[in-house]
Amino acid sequence: MRYLDFHTHTWPQETIETDAIVSCVAPEPVCEYKDGVFLSYGIHPWYIQGNDPKKLLEHVREAAHYNWVVAIGEAGLDKLKGPPMDVQRRLFCWQIEISEAVKKPLIIHSVRANNEVLMLRKSMNPAQAWVIHGFNGHPQEMEQLIKAGFYLSFGPKILYPSNKATESFQQVPEDRFLLETDHTNKSIVALYDKAADIRGGSVDELGENVRRNAVKLIPGLKRG
């Protein structure tokens, strides 16, 4: 079995075979493709200030056409850090349009803004999948987002007992979740082990599940 890290900011270092989607932030250059390592590319709300928004968007539009850039993002809204919300919202909507134009899923950064992201999805009615990365909300919030068509990517928060992320992961439908290490030094292997334990199955079964969900969004991830 090949592991799949759906969202990370570092290139895989583990000796075990791992596919990964590495998040790149505009305006950094698009890295060359390496076997098993794909990219997402977008404008992170933290890094809007100090940059020309139009130039950032030019970088995203160009990167979006590379075959190994398999998703747009992470893009989104953050109420704790970044420029004013109207600026964040405008750039987020532009990236939604790029996602739709190139027919690639959108990886979303959402901090205390899930309601706003939910309303945008309802108003824009996108054809492409939206994935909220690093989801750590309550089960009720998880159910609301799943009902609206979102996929949820769970990260290292599930490694710790008795928290809302773990509760949500235990209850999330099997066809709507992914796993990620995000911007941490946590092992994707440890994450899979814990995830399988939480859901009461084997690691191999969990790996097949994660791969199957990812392939629905990104057919190029089929192997494994």
Protein backbone atom coordinates (compact mmCIF):
# COMPACT_ATOMS: atom_id res chain seq x y z
CA MET A 1 0.00 0.00 0.00
CA ARG A 2 1.18 3.50 -0.83
CA TYR A 3 0.19 6.14 1.69
CA LEU A 4 -1.40 9.36 0.47
CA ASP A 5 -0.83 12.69 2.21
CA PHE A 6 -3.52 14.87 0.70
CA HIS A 7 -2.17 18.19 1.95
CA THR A 8 1.32 18.98 3.18
CA HIS A 9 3.82 21.82 3.01
CA THR A 10 6.91 19.62 3.00
CA TRP A 11 8.19 17.03 0.57
CA PRO A 12 7.83 13.43 1.82
CA GLN A 13 10.86 12.29 3.81
CA GLU A 14 9.70 8.91 5.04
CA THR A 15 11.24 5.79 3.57
CA ILE A 16 7.82 4.17 3.24
CA GLU A 17 6.17 4.75 -0.15
CA THR A 18 4.04 7.87 -0.02
CA ASP A 19 2.21 9.99 -2.57
CA ALA A 20 1.69 13.58 -1.51
CA ILE A 21 0.08 16.80 -2.63
CA VAL A 22 2.46 19.57 -1.62
CA SER A 23 0.87 22.98 -1.14
CA CYS A 24 2.67 25.82 -2.94
CA VAL A 25 1.87 29.44 -2.23
CA ALA A 26 1.88 32.22 -4.84
CA PRO A 27 4.15 33.85 -5.89
CA GLU A 28 6.67 31.03 -5.33
CA PRO A 29 7.65 29.14 -8.50
CA VAL A 30 6.05 25.86 -9.51
CA CYS A 31 8.37 22.99 -8.63
CA GLU A 32 9.24 20.32 -11.16
CA TYR A 33 7.29 17.08 -10.93
CA LYS A 34 8.86 14.25 -8.95
CA ASP A 35 7.46 10.73 -8.89
CA GLY A 36 4.56 10.50 -6.45
CA VAL A 37 4.66 14.17 -5.47
CA PHE A 38 1.98 16.41 -6.89
CA LEU A 39 1.23 20.06 -6.18
CA SER A 40 -1.60 22.34 -5.29
CA TYR A 41 -1.10 26.03 -5.99
CA GLY A 42 -2.96 29.04 -4.67
CA ILE A 43 -3.06 32.32 -2.81
CA HIS A 44 -3.03 31.67 0.93
CA PRO A 45 -4.91 34.45 2.80
CA TRP A 46 -1.95 34.97 5.15
CA TYR A 47 0.31 36.03 2.29
CA ILE A 48 -1.88 38.46 0.39
CA GLN A 49 -0.55 41.58 2.11
CA GLY A 50 2.59 43.02 0.59
CA ASN A 51 1.88 41.48 -2.80
CA ASP A 52 0.09 42.73 -5.89
CA PRO A 53 -3.17 40.70 -6.05
CA LYS A 54 -3.25 40.78 -9.85
CA LYS A 55 0.26 39.35 -10.07
CA LEU A 56 -0.60 36.67 -7.54
CA LEU A 57 -3.57 35.66 -9.67
CA GLU A 58 -1.38 35.55 -12.78
CA HIS A 59 0.85 33.04 -10.98
CA VAL A 60 -2.16 30.89 -10.09
CA ARG A 61 -3.61 31.00 -13.60
CA GLU A 62 -0.28 29.93 -15.06
CA ALA A 63 0.36 27.20 -12.49
CA ALA A 64 -3.17 25.83 -12.84
CA HIS A 65 -2.37 24.49 -16.31
CA TYR A 66 0.57 22.32 -15.24
CA ASN A 67 -0.39 18.64 -15.23
CA TRP A 68 1.26 17.99 -11.87
CA VAL A 69 -0.63 20.87 -10.25
CA VAL A 70 -3.67 18.78 -9.41
CA ALA A 71 -5.63 21.22 -7.24
CA ILE A 72 -6.09 24.95 -6.66
CA GLY A 73 -5.28 26.26 -3.19
CA GLU A 74 -4.94 26.39 -0.46
CA ALA A 75 -7.22 29.37 -0.80
CA GLY A 76 -9.81 30.68 1.57
CA LEU A 77 -10.79 32.90 4.45
CA ASP A 78 -9.15 33.50 7.82
CA LYS A 79 -10.75 35.70 10.47
CA LEU A 80 -7.69 35.60 12.72
CA LYS A 81 -4.91 36.50 10.31
CA GLY A 82 -4.61 38.29 6.99
CA PRO A 83 -6.04 41.37 5.26
CA PRO A 84 -9.65 42.59 5.63
CA MET A 85 -12.30 40.00 4.85
CA ASP A 86 -13.54 41.79 1.73
CA VAL A 87 -10.03 41.50 0.23
CA GLN A 88 -9.75 37.84 1.21
CA ARG A 89 -13.21 37.10 -0.17
CA ARG A 90 -12.46 38.74 -3.51
CA LEU A 91 -9.25 36.74 -4.02
CA PHE A 92 -10.95 33.56 -2.86
CA CYS A 93 -13.75 34.03 -5.40
CA TRP A 94 -11.24 34.59 -8.18
CA GLN A 95 -9.54 31.33 -7.29
CA ILE A 96 -12.91 29.57 -7.31
CA GLU A 97 -13.31 30.78 -10.88
CA ILE A 98 -9.87 29.40 -11.79
CA SER A 99 -10.74 26.05 -10.20
CA GLU A 100 -13.87 25.89 -12.31
CA ALA A 101 -12.07 26.95 -15.50
CA VAL A 102 -9.35 24.28 -15.26
CA LYS A 103 -11.66 21.66 -13.70
CA LYS A 104 -9.49 20.99 -10.67
CA PRO A 105 -10.65 20.70 -7.05
CA LEU A 106 -10.25 23.54 -4.58
CA ILE A 107 -8.36 23.05 -1.29
CA ILE A 108 -9.70 25.48 1.29
CA HIS A 109 -8.12 27.19 4.28
CA SER A 110 -10.95 28.22 6.61
CA VAL A 111 -10.40 29.67 10.07
CA ARG A 112 -13.60 30.63 11.89
CA ALA A 113 -15.12 31.16 8.45
CA ASN A 114 -16.88 27.89 7.63
CA ASN A 115 -20.26 29.62 7.52
CA GLU A 116 -18.97 32.14 4.99
CA VAL A 117 -17.38 29.39 2.89
CA LEU A 118 -20.61 27.42 3.06
CA MET A 119 -22.65 30.41 1.87
CA LEU A 120 -20.22 31.01 -1.00
CA ARG A 121 -20.57 27.41 -2.14
CA LYS A 122 -24.34 27.69 -2.08
CA SER A 123 -24.32 30.96 -4.01
CA MET A 124 -21.66 29.99 -6.58
CA ASN A 125 -22.79 26.37 -7.04
CA PRO A 126 -19.39 25.11 -8.27
CA ALA A 127 -19.00 21.95 -10.34
CA GLN A 128 -15.58 21.16 -8.85
CA ALA A 129 -15.08 19.54 -5.47
CA TRP A 130 -14.24 21.69 -2.46
CA VAL A 131 -12.04 20.22 0.27
CA ILE A 132 -11.70 21.93 3.65
CA HIS A 133 -8.24 20.99 4.84
CA GLY A 134 -7.31 20.55 8.49
CA PHE A 135 -10.94 20.23 9.54
CA ASN A 136 -11.35 20.25 13.32
CA GLY A 137 -14.99 21.23 13.84
CA HIS A 138 -17.76 19.57 15.80
CA PRO A 139 -19.75 16.67 14.33
CA GLN A 140 -22.74 18.96 13.78
CA GLU A 141 -20.59 21.28 11.68
CA MET A 142 -19.13 18.29 9.84
CA GLU A 143 -22.63 17.05 8.98
CA GLN A 144 -23.65 20.48 7.70
CA LEU A 145 -20.63 20.70 5.40
CA ILE A 146 -20.98 17.13 4.14
CA LYS A 147 -24.64 17.78 3.35
CA ALA A 148 -23.55 20.80 1.28
CA GLY A 149 -21.15 18.63 -0.76
CA PHE A 150 -17.79 19.31 0.87
CA TYR A 151 -14.96 16.84 1.40
CA LEU A 152 -13.03 17.14 4.66
CA SER A 153 -9.32 16.50 5.11
CA PHE A 154 -8.30 15.63 8.68
CA GLY A 155 -4.86 16.31 10.06
CA PRO A 156 -2.77 15.69 13.19
CA LYS A 157 -5.53 16.91 15.53
CA ILE A 158 -6.96 13.38 15.40
CA LEU A 159 -3.79 12.04 17.03
CA TYR A 160 -4.96 13.50 20.32
CA PRO A 161 -7.79 12.01 22.38
CA SER A 162 -11.10 13.57 23.33
CA ASN A 163 -11.35 16.45 20.91
CA LYS A 164 -13.95 17.56 18.40
CA ALA A 165 -11.79 16.65 15.37
CA THR A 166 -11.57 13.05 16.57
CA GLU A 167 -15.33 12.93 17.18
CA SER A 168 -16.02 14.27 13.70
CA PHE A 169 -13.57 11.88 12.08
CA GLN A 170 -15.17 8.93 13.80
CA GLN A 171 -18.55 9.92 12.34
CA VAL A 172 -17.67 11.33 8.92
CA PRO A 173 -19.05 9.28 5.98
CA GLU A 174 -16.45 6.96 4.49
CA ASP A 175 -16.74 8.56 1.05
CA ARG A 176 -15.97 12.12 2.21
CA PHE A 177 -12.71 12.17 4.15
CA LEU A 178 -9.01 12.49 3.40
CA LEU A 179 -5.87 12.61 5.58
CA GLU A 180 -3.06 15.16 5.72
CA THR A 181 0.00 16.15 7.72
CA ASP A 182 -0.34 19.87 6.84
CA HIS A 183 2.49 22.07 8.15
CA THR A 184 3.72 19.69 10.85
CA ASN A 185 6.44 17.12 11.37
CA LYS A 186 3.90 14.39 12.11
CA SER A 187 4.20 11.08 10.29
CA ILE A 188 1.57 10.15 7.72
CA VAL A 189 2.09 6.56 8.86
CA ALA A 190 1.21 7.47 12.45
CA LEU A 191 -1.80 9.38 11.19
CA TYR A 192 -3.07 6.37 9.23
CA ASP A 193 -2.52 4.09 12.23
CA LYS A 194 -4.49 6.38 14.52
CA ALA A 195 -7.20 6.98 11.92
CA ALA A 196 -7.73 3.24 11.46
CA ASP A 197 -7.95 2.81 15.22
CA ILE A 198 -10.54 5.59 15.53
CA ARG A 199 -12.73 4.13 12.80
CA GLY A 200 -12.29 0.54 13.92
CA GLY A 201 -10.75 -1.00 10.81
CA SER A 202 -7.39 -2.02 9.40
CA VAL A 203 -4.79 0.37 8.03
CA ASP A 204 -5.05 -1.29 4.61
CA GLU A 205 -8.81 -0.77 4.53
CA LEU A 206 -8.38 2.84 5.57
CA GLY A 207 -5.71 3.37 2.92
CA GLU A 208 -7.99 2.00 0.21
CA ASN A 209 -10.73 4.31 1.44
CA VAL A 210 -8.53 7.41 1.39
CA ARG A 211 -7.16 6.55 -2.06
CA ARG A 212 -10.65 5.91 -3.43
CA ASN A 213 -11.89 9.29 -2.18
CA ALA A 214 -8.86 11.12 -3.55
CA VAL A 215 -9.17 9.47 -6.96
CA LYS A 216 -12.75 10.70 -7.24
CA LEU A 217 -11.33 14.21 -7.02
CA ILE A 218 -8.05 13.62 -8.85
CA PRO A 219 -7.97 10.61 -11.20
CA GLY A 220 -4.18 10.85 -11.52
CA LEU A 221 -3.83 9.54 -7.97
CA LYS A 222 -5.27 6.17 -8.96
CA ARG A 223 -2.19 4.04 -8.43
CA GLY A 224 -1.35 2.74 -5.00
